[in-house]
Amino acid sequence: QHLQRYNSTYHLIILCNCEREHSY
């Protein structure tokens, strides 16, 4: 949240296990 204010053109992919979709 802090760093994204300084860059609006980043490319980030977050891959997660669909069975743990309720984790943080």
PDBML (XML) file of the C-alpha atoms, coordinates in Angstrom:
<?xml version="1.0" encoding="UTF-8" ?>
<PDBx:datablock datablockName="MODEL"
   xmlns:PDBx="http://pdbml.pdb.org/schema/pdbx-v50.xsd"
   xmlns:xsi="http://www.w3.org/2001/XMLSchema-instance"
   xsi:schemaLocation="http://pdbml.pdb.org/schema/pdbx-v50.xsd pdbx-v50.xsd">
   <PDBx:atom_siteCategory>
      <PDBx:atom_site id="1">
         <PDBx:B_iso_or_equiv>0.00</PDBx:B_iso_or_equiv>
         <PDBx:Cartn_x>0.000</PDBx:Cartn_x>
         <PDBx:Cartn_y>0.000</PDBx:Cartn_y>
         <PDBx:Cartn_z>0.000</PDBx:Cartn_z>
         <PDBx:auth_asym_id>A</PDBx:auth_asym_id>
         <PDBx:auth_atom_id>CA</PDBx:auth_atom_id>
         <PDBx:auth_comp_id>GLN</PDBx:auth_comp_id>
         <PDBx:auth_seq_id>1</PDBx:auth_seq_id>
         <PDBx:group_PDB>ATOM</PDBx:group_PDB>
         <PDBx:label_alt_id xsi:nil="true" />
         <PDBx:label_asym_id>A</PDBx:label_asym_id>
         <PDBx:label_atom_id>CA</PDBx:label_atom_id>
         <PDBx:label_comp_id>GLN</PDBx:label_comp_id>
         <PDBx:label_entity_id>1</PDBx:label_entity_id>
         <PDBx:label_seq_id>1</PDBx:label_seq_id>
         <PDBx:occupancy>1.00</PDBx:occupancy>
         <PDBx:pdbx_PDB_model_num>1</PDBx:pdbx_PDB_model_num>
         <PDBx:type_symbol>C</PDBx:type_symbol>
      </PDBx:atom_site>
      <PDBx:atom_site id="2">
         <PDBx:B_iso_or_equiv>0.00</PDBx:B_iso_or_equiv>
         <PDBx:Cartn_x>2.865</PDBx:Cartn_x>
         <PDBx:Cartn_y>2.375</PDBx:Cartn_y>
         <PDBx:Cartn_z>0.810</PDBx:Cartn_z>
         <PDBx:auth_asym_id>A</PDBx:auth_asym_id>
         <PDBx:auth_atom_id>CA</PDBx:auth_atom_id>
         <PDBx:auth_comp_id>HIS</PDBx:auth_comp_id>
         <PDBx:auth_seq_id>2</PDBx:auth_seq_id>
         <PDBx:group_PDB>ATOM</PDBx:group_PDB>
         <PDBx:label_alt_id xsi:nil="true" />
         <PDBx:label_asym_id>A</PDBx:label_asym_id>
         <PDBx:label_atom_id>CA</PDBx:label_atom_id>
         <PDBx:label_comp_id>HIS</PDBx:label_comp_id>
         <PDBx:label_entity_id>1</PDBx:label_entity_id>
         <PDBx:label_seq_id>2</PDBx:label_seq_id>
         <PDBx:occupancy>1.00</PDBx:occupancy>
         <PDBx:pdbx_PDB_model_num>1</PDBx:pdbx_PDB_model_num>
         <PDBx:type_symbol>C</PDBx:type_symbol>
      </PDBx:atom_site>
      <PDBx:atom_site id="3">
         <PDBx:B_iso_or_equiv>0.00</PDBx:B_iso_or_equiv>
         <PDBx:Cartn_x>4.988</PDBx:Cartn_x>
         <PDBx:Cartn_y>1.673</PDBx:Cartn_y>
         <PDBx:Cartn_z>-2.284</PDBx:Cartn_z>
         <PDBx:auth_asym_id>A</PDBx:auth_asym_id>
         <PDBx:auth_atom_id>CA</PDBx:auth_atom_id>
         <PDBx:auth_comp_id>LEU</PDBx:auth_comp_id>
         <PDBx:auth_seq_id>3</PDBx:auth_seq_id>
         <PDBx:group_PDB>ATOM</PDBx:group_PDB>
         <PDBx:label_alt_id xsi:nil="true" />
         <PDBx:label_asym_id>A</PDBx:label_asym_id>
         <PDBx:label_atom_id>CA</PDBx:label_atom_id>
         <PDBx:label_comp_id>LEU</PDBx:label_comp_id>
         <PDBx:label_entity_id>1</PDBx:label_entity_id>
         <PDBx:label_seq_id>3</PDBx:label_seq_id>
         <PDBx:occupancy>1.00</PDBx:occupancy>
         <PDBx:pdbx_PDB_model_num>1</PDBx:pdbx_PDB_model_num>
         <PDBx:type_symbol>C</PDBx:type_symbol>
      </PDBx:atom_site>
      <PDBx:atom_site id="4">
         <PDBx:B_iso_or_equiv>0.00</PDBx:B_iso_or_equiv>
         <PDBx:Cartn_x>2.255</PDBx:Cartn_x>
         <PDBx:Cartn_y>1.516</PDBx:Cartn_y>
         <PDBx:Cartn_z>-4.907</PDBx:Cartn_z>
         <PDBx:auth_asym_id>A</PDBx:auth_asym_id>
         <PDBx:auth_atom_id>CA</PDBx:auth_atom_id>
         <PDBx:auth_comp_id>GLN</PDBx:auth_comp_id>
         <PDBx:auth_seq_id>4</PDBx:auth_seq_id>
         <PDBx:group_PDB>ATOM</PDBx:group_PDB>
         <PDBx:label_alt_id xsi:nil="true" />
         <PDBx:label_asym_id>A</PDBx:label_asym_id>
         <PDBx:label_atom_id>CA</PDBx:label_atom_id>
         <PDBx:label_comp_id>GLN</PDBx:label_comp_id>
         <PDBx:label_entity_id>1</PDBx:label_entity_id>
         <PDBx:label_seq_id>4</PDBx:label_seq_id>
         <PDBx:occupancy>1.00</PDBx:occupancy>
         <PDBx:pdbx_PDB_model_num>1</PDBx:pdbx_PDB_model_num>
         <PDBx:type_symbol>C</PDBx:type_symbol>
      </PDBx:atom_site>
      <PDBx:atom_site id="5">
         <PDBx:B_iso_or_equiv>0.00</PDBx:B_iso_or_equiv>
         <PDBx:Cartn_x>1.662</PDBx:Cartn_x>
         <PDBx:Cartn_y>5.255</PDBx:Cartn_y>
         <PDBx:Cartn_z>-4.442</PDBx:Cartn_z>
         <PDBx:auth_asym_id>A</PDBx:auth_asym_id>
         <PDBx:auth_atom_id>CA</PDBx:auth_atom_id>
         <PDBx:auth_comp_id>ARG</PDBx:auth_comp_id>
         <PDBx:auth_seq_id>5</PDBx:auth_seq_id>
         <PDBx:group_PDB>ATOM</PDBx:group_PDB>
         <PDBx:label_alt_id xsi:nil="true" />
         <PDBx:label_asym_id>A</PDBx:label_asym_id>
         <PDBx:label_atom_id>CA</PDBx:label_atom_id>
         <PDBx:label_comp_id>ARG</PDBx:label_comp_id>
         <PDBx:label_entity_id>1</PDBx:label_entity_id>
         <PDBx:label_seq_id>5</PDBx:label_seq_id>
         <PDBx:occupancy>1.00</PDBx:occupancy>
         <PDBx:pdbx_PDB_model_num>1</PDBx:pdbx_PDB_model_num>
         <PDBx:type_symbol>C</PDBx:type_symbol>
      </PDBx:atom_site>
      <PDBx:atom_site id="6">
         <PDBx:B_iso_or_equiv>0.00</PDBx:B_iso_or_equiv>
         <PDBx:Cartn_x>5.015</PDBx:Cartn_x>
         <PDBx:Cartn_y>5.874</PDBx:Cartn_y>
         <PDBx:Cartn_z>-6.120</PDBx:Cartn_z>
         <PDBx:auth_asym_id>A</PDBx:auth_asym_id>
         <PDBx:auth_atom_id>CA</PDBx:auth_atom_id>
         <PDBx:auth_comp_id>TYR</PDBx:auth_comp_id>
         <PDBx:auth_seq_id>6</PDBx:auth_seq_id>
         <PDBx:group_PDB>ATOM</PDBx:group_PDB>
         <PDBx:label_alt_id xsi:nil="true" />
         <PDBx:label_asym_id>A</PDBx:label_asym_id>
         <PDBx:label_atom_id>CA</PDBx:label_atom_id>
         <PDBx:label_comp_id>TYR</PDBx:label_comp_id>
         <PDBx:label_entity_id>1</PDBx:label_entity_id>
         <PDBx:label_seq_id>6</PDBx:label_seq_id>
         <PDBx:occupancy>1.00</PDBx:occupancy>
         <PDBx:pdbx_PDB_model_num>1</PDBx:pdbx_PDB_model_num>
         <PDBx:type_symbol>C</PDBx:type_symbol>
      </PDBx:atom_site>
      <PDBx:atom_site id="7">
         <PDBx:B_iso_or_equiv>0.00</PDBx:B_iso_or_equiv>
         <PDBx:Cartn_x>4.525</PDBx:Cartn_x>
         <PDBx:Cartn_y>3.667</PDBx:Cartn_y>
         <PDBx:Cartn_z>-9.154</PDBx:Cartn_z>
         <PDBx:auth_asym_id>A</PDBx:auth_asym_id>
         <PDBx:auth_atom_id>CA</PDBx:auth_atom_id>
         <PDBx:auth_comp_id>ASN</PDBx:auth_comp_id>
         <PDBx:auth_seq_id>7</PDBx:auth_seq_id>
         <PDBx:group_PDB>ATOM</PDBx:group_PDB>
         <PDBx:label_alt_id xsi:nil="true" />
         <PDBx:label_asym_id>A</PDBx:label_asym_id>
         <PDBx:label_atom_id>CA</PDBx:label_atom_id>
         <PDBx:label_comp_id>ASN</PDBx:label_comp_id>
         <PDBx:label_entity_id>1</PDBx:label_entity_id>
         <PDBx:label_seq_id>7</PDBx:label_seq_id>
         <PDBx:occupancy>1.00</PDBx:occupancy>
         <PDBx:pdbx_PDB_model_num>1</PDBx:pdbx_PDB_model_num>
         <PDBx:type_symbol>C</PDBx:type_symbol>
      </PDBx:atom_site>
      <PDBx:atom_site id="8">
         <PDBx:B_iso_or_equiv>0.00</PDBx:B_iso_or_equiv>
         <PDBx:Cartn_x>1.371</PDBx:Cartn_x>
         <PDBx:Cartn_y>3.087</PDBx:Cartn_y>
         <PDBx:Cartn_z>-11.156</PDBx:Cartn_z>
         <PDBx:auth_asym_id>A</PDBx:auth_asym_id>
         <PDBx:auth_atom_id>CA</PDBx:auth_atom_id>
         <PDBx:auth_comp_id>SER</PDBx:auth_comp_id>
         <PDBx:auth_seq_id>8</PDBx:auth_seq_id>
         <PDBx:group_PDB>ATOM</PDBx:group_PDB>
         <PDBx:label_alt_id xsi:nil="true" />
         <PDBx:label_asym_id>A</PDBx:label_asym_id>
         <PDBx:label_atom_id>CA</PDBx:label_atom_id>
         <PDBx:label_comp_id>SER</PDBx:label_comp_id>
         <PDBx:label_entity_id>1</PDBx:label_entity_id>
         <PDBx:label_seq_id>8</PDBx:label_seq_id>
         <PDBx:occupancy>1.00</PDBx:occupancy>
         <PDBx:pdbx_PDB_model_num>1</PDBx:pdbx_PDB_model_num>
         <PDBx:type_symbol>C</PDBx:type_symbol>
      </PDBx:atom_site>
      <PDBx:atom_site id="9">
         <PDBx:B_iso_or_equiv>0.00</PDBx:B_iso_or_equiv>
         <PDBx:Cartn_x>3.025</PDBx:Cartn_x>
         <PDBx:Cartn_y>1.048</PDBx:Cartn_y>
         <PDBx:Cartn_z>-13.917</PDBx:Cartn_z>
         <PDBx:auth_asym_id>A</PDBx:auth_asym_id>
         <PDBx:auth_atom_id>CA</PDBx:auth_atom_id>
         <PDBx:auth_comp_id>THR</PDBx:auth_comp_id>
         <PDBx:auth_seq_id>9</PDBx:auth_seq_id>
         <PDBx:group_PDB>ATOM</PDBx:group_PDB>
         <PDBx:label_alt_id xsi:nil="true" />
         <PDBx:label_asym_id>A</PDBx:label_asym_id>
         <PDBx:label_atom_id>CA</PDBx:label_atom_id>
         <PDBx:label_comp_id>THR</PDBx:label_comp_id>
         <PDBx:label_entity_id>1</PDBx:label_entity_id>
         <PDBx:label_seq_id>9</PDBx:label_seq_id>
         <PDBx:occupancy>1.00</PDBx:occupancy>
         <PDBx:pdbx_PDB_model_num>1</PDBx:pdbx_PDB_model_num>
         <PDBx:type_symbol>C</PDBx:type_symbol>
      </PDBx:atom_site>
      <PDBx:atom_site id="10">
         <PDBx:B_iso_or_equiv>0.00</PDBx:B_iso_or_equiv>
         <PDBx:Cartn_x>4.194</PDBx:Cartn_x>
         <PDBx:Cartn_y>-2.017</PDBx:Cartn_y>
         <PDBx:Cartn_z>-11.997</PDBx:Cartn_z>
         <PDBx:auth_asym_id>A</PDBx:auth_asym_id>
         <PDBx:auth_atom_id>CA</PDBx:auth_atom_id>
         <PDBx:auth_comp_id>TYR</PDBx:auth_comp_id>
         <PDBx:auth_seq_id>10</PDBx:auth_seq_id>
         <PDBx:group_PDB>ATOM</PDBx:group_PDB>
         <PDBx:label_alt_id xsi:nil="true" />
         <PDBx:label_asym_id>A</PDBx:label_asym_id>
         <PDBx:label_atom_id>CA</PDBx:label_atom_id>
         <PDBx:label_comp_id>TYR</PDBx:label_comp_id>
         <PDBx:label_entity_id>1</PDBx:label_entity_id>
         <PDBx:label_seq_id>10</PDBx:label_seq_id>
         <PDBx:occupancy>1.00</PDBx:occupancy>
         <PDBx:pdbx_PDB_model_num>1</PDBx:pdbx_PDB_model_num>
         <PDBx:type_symbol>C</PDBx:type_symbol>
      </PDBx:atom_site>
      <PDBx:atom_site id="11">
         <PDBx:B_iso_or_equiv>0.00</PDBx:B_iso_or_equiv>
         <PDBx:Cartn_x>3.506</PDBx:Cartn_x>
         <PDBx:Cartn_y>-5.568</PDBx:Cartn_y>
         <PDBx:Cartn_z>-13.191</PDBx:Cartn_z>
         <PDBx:auth_asym_id>A</PDBx:auth_asym_id>
         <PDBx:auth_atom_id>CA</PDBx:auth_atom_id>
         <PDBx:auth_comp_id>HIS</PDBx:auth_comp_id>
         <PDBx:auth_seq_id>11</PDBx:auth_seq_id>
         <PDBx:group_PDB>ATOM</PDBx:group_PDB>
         <PDBx:label_alt_id xsi:nil="true" />
         <PDBx:label_asym_id>A</PDBx:label_asym_id>
         <PDBx:label_atom_id>CA</PDBx:label_atom_id>
         <PDBx:label_comp_id>HIS</PDBx:label_comp_id>
         <PDBx:label_entity_id>1</PDBx:label_entity_id>
         <PDBx:label_seq_id>11</PDBx:label_seq_id>
         <PDBx:occupancy>1.00</PDBx:occupancy>
         <PDBx:pdbx_PDB_model_num>1</PDBx:pdbx_PDB_model_num>
         <PDBx:type_symbol>C</PDBx:type_symbol>
      </PDBx:atom_site>
      <PDBx:atom_site id="12">
         <PDBx:B_iso_or_equiv>0.00</PDBx:B_iso_or_equiv>
         <PDBx:Cartn_x>2.768</PDBx:Cartn_x>
         <PDBx:Cartn_y>-7.931</PDBx:Cartn_y>
         <PDBx:Cartn_z>-10.304</PDBx:Cartn_z>
         <PDBx:auth_asym_id>A</PDBx:auth_asym_id>
         <PDBx:auth_atom_id>CA</PDBx:auth_atom_id>
         <PDBx:auth_comp_id>LEU</PDBx:auth_comp_id>
         <PDBx:auth_seq_id>12</PDBx:auth_seq_id>
         <PDBx:group_PDB>ATOM</PDBx:group_PDB>
         <PDBx:label_alt_id xsi:nil="true" />
         <PDBx:label_asym_id>A</PDBx:label_asym_id>
         <PDBx:label_atom_id>CA</PDBx:label_atom_id>
         <PDBx:label_comp_id>LEU</PDBx:label_comp_id>
         <PDBx:label_entity_id>1</PDBx:label_entity_id>
         <PDBx:label_seq_id>12</PDBx:label_seq_id>
         <PDBx:occupancy>1.00</PDBx:occupancy>
         <PDBx:pdbx_PDB_model_num>1</PDBx:pdbx_PDB_model_num>
         <PDBx:type_symbol>C</PDBx:type_symbol>
      </PDBx:atom_site>
      <PDBx:atom_site id="13">
         <PDBx:B_iso_or_equiv>0.00</PDBx:B_iso_or_equiv>
         <PDBx:Cartn_x>1.131</PDBx:Cartn_x>
         <PDBx:Cartn_y>-11.335</PDBx:Cartn_y>
         <PDBx:Cartn_z>-10.461</PDBx:Cartn_z>
         <PDBx:auth_asym_id>A</PDBx:auth_asym_id>
         <PDBx:auth_atom_id>CA</PDBx:auth_atom_id>
         <PDBx:auth_comp_id>ILE</PDBx:auth_comp_id>
         <PDBx:auth_seq_id>13</PDBx:auth_seq_id>
         <PDBx:group_PDB>ATOM</PDBx:group_PDB>
         <PDBx:label_alt_id xsi:nil="true" />
         <PDBx:label_asym_id>A</PDBx:label_asym_id>
         <PDBx:label_atom_id>CA</PDBx:label_atom_id>
         <PDBx:label_comp_id>ILE</PDBx:label_comp_id>
         <PDBx:label_entity_id>1</PDBx:label_entity_id>
         <PDBx:label_seq_id>13</PDBx:label_seq_id>
         <PDBx:occupancy>1.00</PDBx:occupancy>
         <PDBx:pdbx_PDB_model_num>1</PDBx:pdbx_PDB_model_num>
         <PDBx:type_symbol>C</PDBx:type_symbol>
      </PDBx:atom_site>
      <PDBx:atom_site id="14">
         <PDBx:B_iso_or_equiv>0.00</PDBx:B_iso_or_equiv>
         <PDBx:Cartn_x>0.205</PDBx:Cartn_x>
         <PDBx:Cartn_y>-13.143</PDBx:Cartn_y>
         <PDBx:Cartn_z>-7.262</PDBx:Cartn_z>
         <PDBx:auth_asym_id>A</PDBx:auth_asym_id>
         <PDBx:auth_atom_id>CA</PDBx:auth_atom_id>
         <PDBx:auth_comp_id>ILE</PDBx:auth_comp_id>
         <PDBx:auth_seq_id>14</PDBx:auth_seq_id>
         <PDBx:group_PDB>ATOM</PDBx:group_PDB>
         <PDBx:label_alt_id xsi:nil="true" />
         <PDBx:label_asym_id>A</PDBx:label_asym_id>
         <PDBx:label_atom_id>CA</PDBx:label_atom_id>
         <PDBx:label_comp_id>ILE</PDBx:label_comp_id>
         <PDBx:label_entity_id>1</PDBx:label_entity_id>
         <PDBx:label_seq_id>14</PDBx:label_seq_id>
         <PDBx:occupancy>1.00</PDBx:occupancy>
         <PDBx:pdbx_PDB_model_num>1</PDBx:pdbx_PDB_model_num>
         <PDBx:type_symbol>C</PDBx:type_symbol>
      </PDBx:atom_site>
      <PDBx:atom_site id="15">
         <PDBx:B_iso_or_equiv>0.00</PDBx:B_iso_or_equiv>
         <PDBx:Cartn_x>-0.550</PDBx:Cartn_x>
         <PDBx:Cartn_y>-16.844</PDBx:Cartn_y>
         <PDBx:Cartn_z>-7.683</PDBx:Cartn_z>
         <PDBx:auth_asym_id>A</PDBx:auth_asym_id>
         <PDBx:auth_atom_id>CA</PDBx:auth_atom_id>
         <PDBx:auth_comp_id>LEU</PDBx:auth_comp_id>
         <PDBx:auth_seq_id>15</PDBx:auth_seq_id>
         <PDBx:group_PDB>ATOM</PDBx:group_PDB>
         <PDBx:label_alt_id xsi:nil="true" />
         <PDBx:label_asym_id>A</PDBx:label_asym_id>
         <PDBx:label_atom_id>CA</PDBx:label_atom_id>
         <PDBx:label_comp_id>LEU</PDBx:label_comp_id>
         <PDBx:label_entity_id>1</PDBx:label_entity_id>
         <PDBx:label_seq_id>15</PDBx:label_seq_id>
         <PDBx:occupancy>1.00</PDBx:occupancy>
         <PDBx:pdbx_PDB_model_num>1</PDBx:pdbx_PDB_model_num>
         <PDBx:type_symbol>C</PDBx:type_symbol>
      </PDBx:atom_site>
      <PDBx:atom_site id="16">
         <PDBx:B_iso_or_equiv>0.00</PDBx:B_iso_or_equiv>
         <PDBx:Cartn_x>-2.376</PDBx:Cartn_x>
         <PDBx:Cartn_y>-18.677</PDBx:Cartn_y>
         <PDBx:Cartn_z>-4.916</PDBx:Cartn_z>
         <PDBx:auth_asym_id>A</PDBx:auth_asym_id>
         <PDBx:auth_atom_id>CA</PDBx:auth_atom_id>
         <PDBx:auth_comp_id>CYS</PDBx:auth_comp_id>
         <PDBx:auth_seq_id>16</PDBx:auth_seq_id>
         <PDBx:group_PDB>ATOM</PDBx:group_PDB>
         <PDBx:label_alt_id xsi:nil="true" />
         <PDBx:label_asym_id>A</PDBx:label_asym_id>
         <PDBx:label_atom_id>CA</PDBx:label_atom_id>
         <PDBx:label_comp_id>CYS</PDBx:label_comp_id>
         <PDBx:label_entity_id>1</PDBx:label_entity_id>
         <PDBx:label_seq_id>16</PDBx:label_seq_id>
         <PDBx:occupancy>1.00</PDBx:occupancy>
         <PDBx:pdbx_PDB_model_num>1</PDBx:pdbx_PDB_model_num>
         <PDBx:type_symbol>C</PDBx:type_symbol>
      </PDBx:atom_site>
      <PDBx:atom_site id="17">
         <PDBx:B_iso_or_equiv>0.00</PDBx:B_iso_or_equiv>
         <PDBx:Cartn_x>-3.922</PDBx:Cartn_x>
         <PDBx:Cartn_y>-22.056</PDBx:Cartn_y>
         <PDBx:Cartn_z>-4.326</PDBx:Cartn_z>
         <PDBx:auth_asym_id>A</PDBx:auth_asym_id>
         <PDBx:auth_atom_id>CA</PDBx:auth_atom_id>
         <PDBx:auth_comp_id>ASN</PDBx:auth_comp_id>
         <PDBx:auth_seq_id>17</PDBx:auth_seq_id>
         <PDBx:group_PDB>ATOM</PDBx:group_PDB>
         <PDBx:label_alt_id xsi:nil="true" />
         <PDBx:label_asym_id>A</PDBx:label_asym_id>
         <PDBx:label_atom_id>CA</PDBx:label_atom_id>
         <PDBx:label_comp_id>ASN</PDBx:label_comp_id>
         <PDBx:label_entity_id>1</PDBx:label_entity_id>
         <PDBx:label_seq_id>17</PDBx:label_seq_id>
         <PDBx:occupancy>1.00</PDBx:occupancy>
         <PDBx:pdbx_PDB_model_num>1</PDBx:pdbx_PDB_model_num>
         <PDBx:type_symbol>C</PDBx:type_symbol>
      </PDBx:atom_site>
      <PDBx:atom_site id="18">
         <PDBx:B_iso_or_equiv>0.00</PDBx:B_iso_or_equiv>
         <PDBx:Cartn_x>-7.671</PDBx:Cartn_x>
         <PDBx:Cartn_y>-21.787</PDBx:Cartn_y>
         <PDBx:Cartn_z>-4.939</PDBx:Cartn_z>
         <PDBx:auth_asym_id>A</PDBx:auth_asym_id>
         <PDBx:auth_atom_id>CA</PDBx:auth_atom_id>
         <PDBx:auth_comp_id>CYS</PDBx:auth_comp_id>
         <PDBx:auth_seq_id>18</PDBx:auth_seq_id>
         <PDBx:group_PDB>ATOM</PDBx:group_PDB>
         <PDBx:label_alt_id xsi:nil="true" />
         <PDBx:label_asym_id>A</PDBx:label_asym_id>
         <PDBx:label_atom_id>CA</PDBx:label_atom_id>
         <PDBx:label_comp_id>CYS</PDBx:label_comp_id>
         <PDBx:label_entity_id>1</PDBx:label_entity_id>
         <PDBx:label_seq_id>18</PDBx:label_seq_id>
         <PDBx:occupancy>1.00</PDBx:occupancy>
         <PDBx:pdbx_PDB_model_num>1</PDBx:pdbx_PDB_model_num>
         <PDBx:type_symbol>C</PDBx:type_symbol>
      </PDBx:atom_site>
      <PDBx:atom_site id="19">
         <PDBx:B_iso_or_equiv>0.00</PDBx:B_iso_or_equiv>
         <PDBx:Cartn_x>-8.275</PDBx:Cartn_x>
         <PDBx:Cartn_y>-24.045</PDBx:Cartn_y>
         <PDBx:Cartn_z>-1.924</PDBx:Cartn_z>
         <PDBx:auth_asym_id>A</PDBx:auth_asym_id>
         <PDBx:auth_atom_id>CA</PDBx:auth_atom_id>
         <PDBx:auth_comp_id>GLU</PDBx:auth_comp_id>
         <PDBx:auth_seq_id>19</PDBx:auth_seq_id>
         <PDBx:group_PDB>ATOM</PDBx:group_PDB>
         <PDBx:label_alt_id xsi:nil="true" />
         <PDBx:label_asym_id>A</PDBx:label_asym_id>
         <PDBx:label_atom_id>CA</PDBx:label_atom_id>
         <PDBx:label_comp_id>GLU</PDBx:label_comp_id>
         <PDBx:label_entity_id>1</PDBx:label_entity_id>
         <PDBx:label_seq_id>19</PDBx:label_seq_id>
         <PDBx:occupancy>1.00</PDBx:occupancy>
         <PDBx:pdbx_PDB_model_num>1</PDBx:pdbx_PDB_model_num>
         <PDBx:type_symbol>C</PDBx:type_symbol>
      </PDBx:atom_site>
      <PDBx:atom_site id="20">
         <PDBx:B_iso_or_equiv>0.00</PDBx:B_iso_or_equiv>
         <PDBx:Cartn_x>-6.714</PDBx:Cartn_x>
         <PDBx:Cartn_y>-21.362</PDBx:Cartn_y>
         <PDBx:Cartn_z>0.318</PDBx:Cartn_z>
         <PDBx:auth_asym_id>A</PDBx:auth_asym_id>
         <PDBx:auth_atom_id>CA</PDBx:auth_atom_id>
         <PDBx:auth_comp_id>ARG</PDBx:auth_comp_id>
         <PDBx:auth_seq_id>20</PDBx:auth_seq_id>
         <PDBx:group_PDB>ATOM</PDBx:group_PDB>
         <PDBx:label_alt_id xsi:nil="true" />
         <PDBx:label_asym_id>A</PDBx:label_asym_id>
         <PDBx:label_atom_id>CA</PDBx:label_atom_id>
         <PDBx:label_comp_id>ARG</PDBx:label_comp_id>
         <PDBx:label_entity_id>1</PDBx:label_entity_id>
         <PDBx:label_seq_id>20</PDBx:label_seq_id>
         <PDBx:occupancy>1.00</PDBx:occupancy>
         <PDBx:pdbx_PDB_model_num>1</PDBx:pdbx_PDB_model_num>
         <PDBx:type_symbol>C</PDBx:type_symbol>
      </PDBx:atom_site>
      <PDBx:atom_site id="21">
         <PDBx:B_iso_or_equiv>0.00</PDBx:B_iso_or_equiv>
         <PDBx:Cartn_x>-8.496</PDBx:Cartn_x>
         <PDBx:Cartn_y>-18.364</PDBx:Cartn_y>
         <PDBx:Cartn_z>-1.165</PDBx:Cartn_z>
         <PDBx:auth_asym_id>A</PDBx:auth_asym_id>
         <PDBx:auth_atom_id>CA</PDBx:auth_atom_id>
         <PDBx:auth_comp_id>GLU</PDBx:auth_comp_id>
         <PDBx:auth_seq_id>21</PDBx:auth_seq_id>
         <PDBx:group_PDB>ATOM</PDBx:group_PDB>
         <PDBx:label_alt_id xsi:nil="true" />
         <PDBx:label_asym_id>A</PDBx:label_asym_id>
         <PDBx:label_atom_id>CA</PDBx:label_atom_id>
         <PDBx:label_comp_id>GLU</PDBx:label_comp_id>
         <PDBx:label_entity_id>1</PDBx:label_entity_id>
         <PDBx:label_seq_id>21</PDBx:label_seq_id>
         <PDBx:occupancy>1.00</PDBx:occupancy>
         <PDBx:pdbx_PDB_model_num>1</PDBx:pdbx_PDB_model_num>
         <PDBx:type_symbol>C</PDBx:type_symbol>
      </PDBx:atom_site>
      <PDBx:atom_site id="22">
         <PDBx:B_iso_or_equiv>0.00</PDBx:B_iso_or_equiv>
         <PDBx:Cartn_x>-9.612</PDBx:Cartn_x>
         <PDBx:Cartn_y>-17.191</PDBx:Cartn_y>
         <PDBx:Cartn_z>2.283</PDBx:Cartn_z>
         <PDBx:auth_asym_id>A</PDBx:auth_asym_id>
         <PDBx:auth_atom_id>CA</PDBx:auth_atom_id>
         <PDBx:auth_comp_id>HIS</PDBx:auth_comp_id>
         <PDBx:auth_seq_id>22</PDBx:auth_seq_id>
         <PDBx:group_PDB>ATOM</PDBx:group_PDB>
         <PDBx:label_alt_id xsi:nil="true" />
         <PDBx:label_asym_id>A</PDBx:label_asym_id>
         <PDBx:label_atom_id>CA</PDBx:label_atom_id>
         <PDBx:label_comp_id>HIS</PDBx:label_comp_id>
         <PDBx:label_entity_id>1</PDBx:label_entity_id>
         <PDBx:label_seq_id>22</PDBx:label_seq_id>
         <PDBx:occupancy>1.00</PDBx:occupancy>
         <PDBx:pdbx_PDB_model_num>1</PDBx:pdbx_PDB_model_num>
         <PDBx:type_symbol>C</PDBx:type_symbol>
      </PDBx:atom_site>
      <PDBx:atom_site id="23">
         <PDBx:B_iso_or_equiv>0.00</PDBx:B_iso_or_equiv>
         <PDBx:Cartn_x>-6.090</PDBx:Cartn_x>
         <PDBx:Cartn_y>-16.741</PDBx:Cartn_y>
         <PDBx:Cartn_z>3.625</PDBx:Cartn_z>
         <PDBx:auth_asym_id>A</PDBx:auth_asym_id>
         <PDBx:auth_atom_id>CA</PDBx:auth_atom_id>
         <PDBx:auth_comp_id>SER</PDBx:auth_comp_id>
         <PDBx:auth_seq_id>23</PDBx:auth_seq_id>
         <PDBx:group_PDB>ATOM</PDBx:group_PDB>
         <PDBx:label_alt_id xsi:nil="true" />
         <PDBx:label_asym_id>A</PDBx:label_asym_id>
         <PDBx:label_atom_id>CA</PDBx:label_atom_id>
         <PDBx:label_comp_id>SER</PDBx:label_comp_id>
         <PDBx:label_entity_id>1</PDBx:label_entity_id>
         <PDBx:label_seq_id>23</PDBx:label_seq_id>
         <PDBx:occupancy>1.00</PDBx:occupancy>
         <PDBx:pdbx_PDB_model_num>1</PDBx:pdbx_PDB_model_num>
         <PDBx:type_symbol>C</PDBx:type_symbol>
      </PDBx:atom_site>
      <PDBx:atom_site id="24">
         <PDBx:B_iso_or_equiv>0.00</PDBx:B_iso_or_equiv>
         <PDBx:Cartn_x>-4.796</PDBx:Cartn_x>
         <PDBx:Cartn_y>-13.203</PDBx:Cartn_y>
         <PDBx:Cartn_z>4.121</PDBx:Cartn_z>
         <PDBx:auth_asym_id>A</PDBx:auth_asym_id>
         <PDBx:auth_atom_id>CA</PDBx:auth_atom_id>
         <PDBx:auth_comp_id>TYR</PDBx:auth_comp_id>
         <PDBx:auth_seq_id>24</PDBx:auth_seq_id>
         <PDBx:group_PDB>ATOM</PDBx:group_PDB>
         <PDBx:label_alt_id xsi:nil="true" />
         <PDBx:label_asym_id>A</PDBx:label_asym_id>
         <PDBx:label_atom_id>CA</PDBx:label_atom_id>
         <PDBx:label_comp_id>TYR</PDBx:label_comp_id>
         <PDBx:label_entity_id>1</PDBx:label_entity_id>
         <PDBx:label_seq_id>24</PDBx:label_seq_id>
         <PDBx:occupancy>1.00</PDBx:occupancy>
         <PDBx:pdbx_PDB_model_num>1</PDBx:pdbx_PDB_model_num>
         <PDBx:type_symbol>C</PDBx:type_symbol>
      </PDBx:atom_site>
   </PDBx:atom_siteCategory>
</PDBx:datablock>
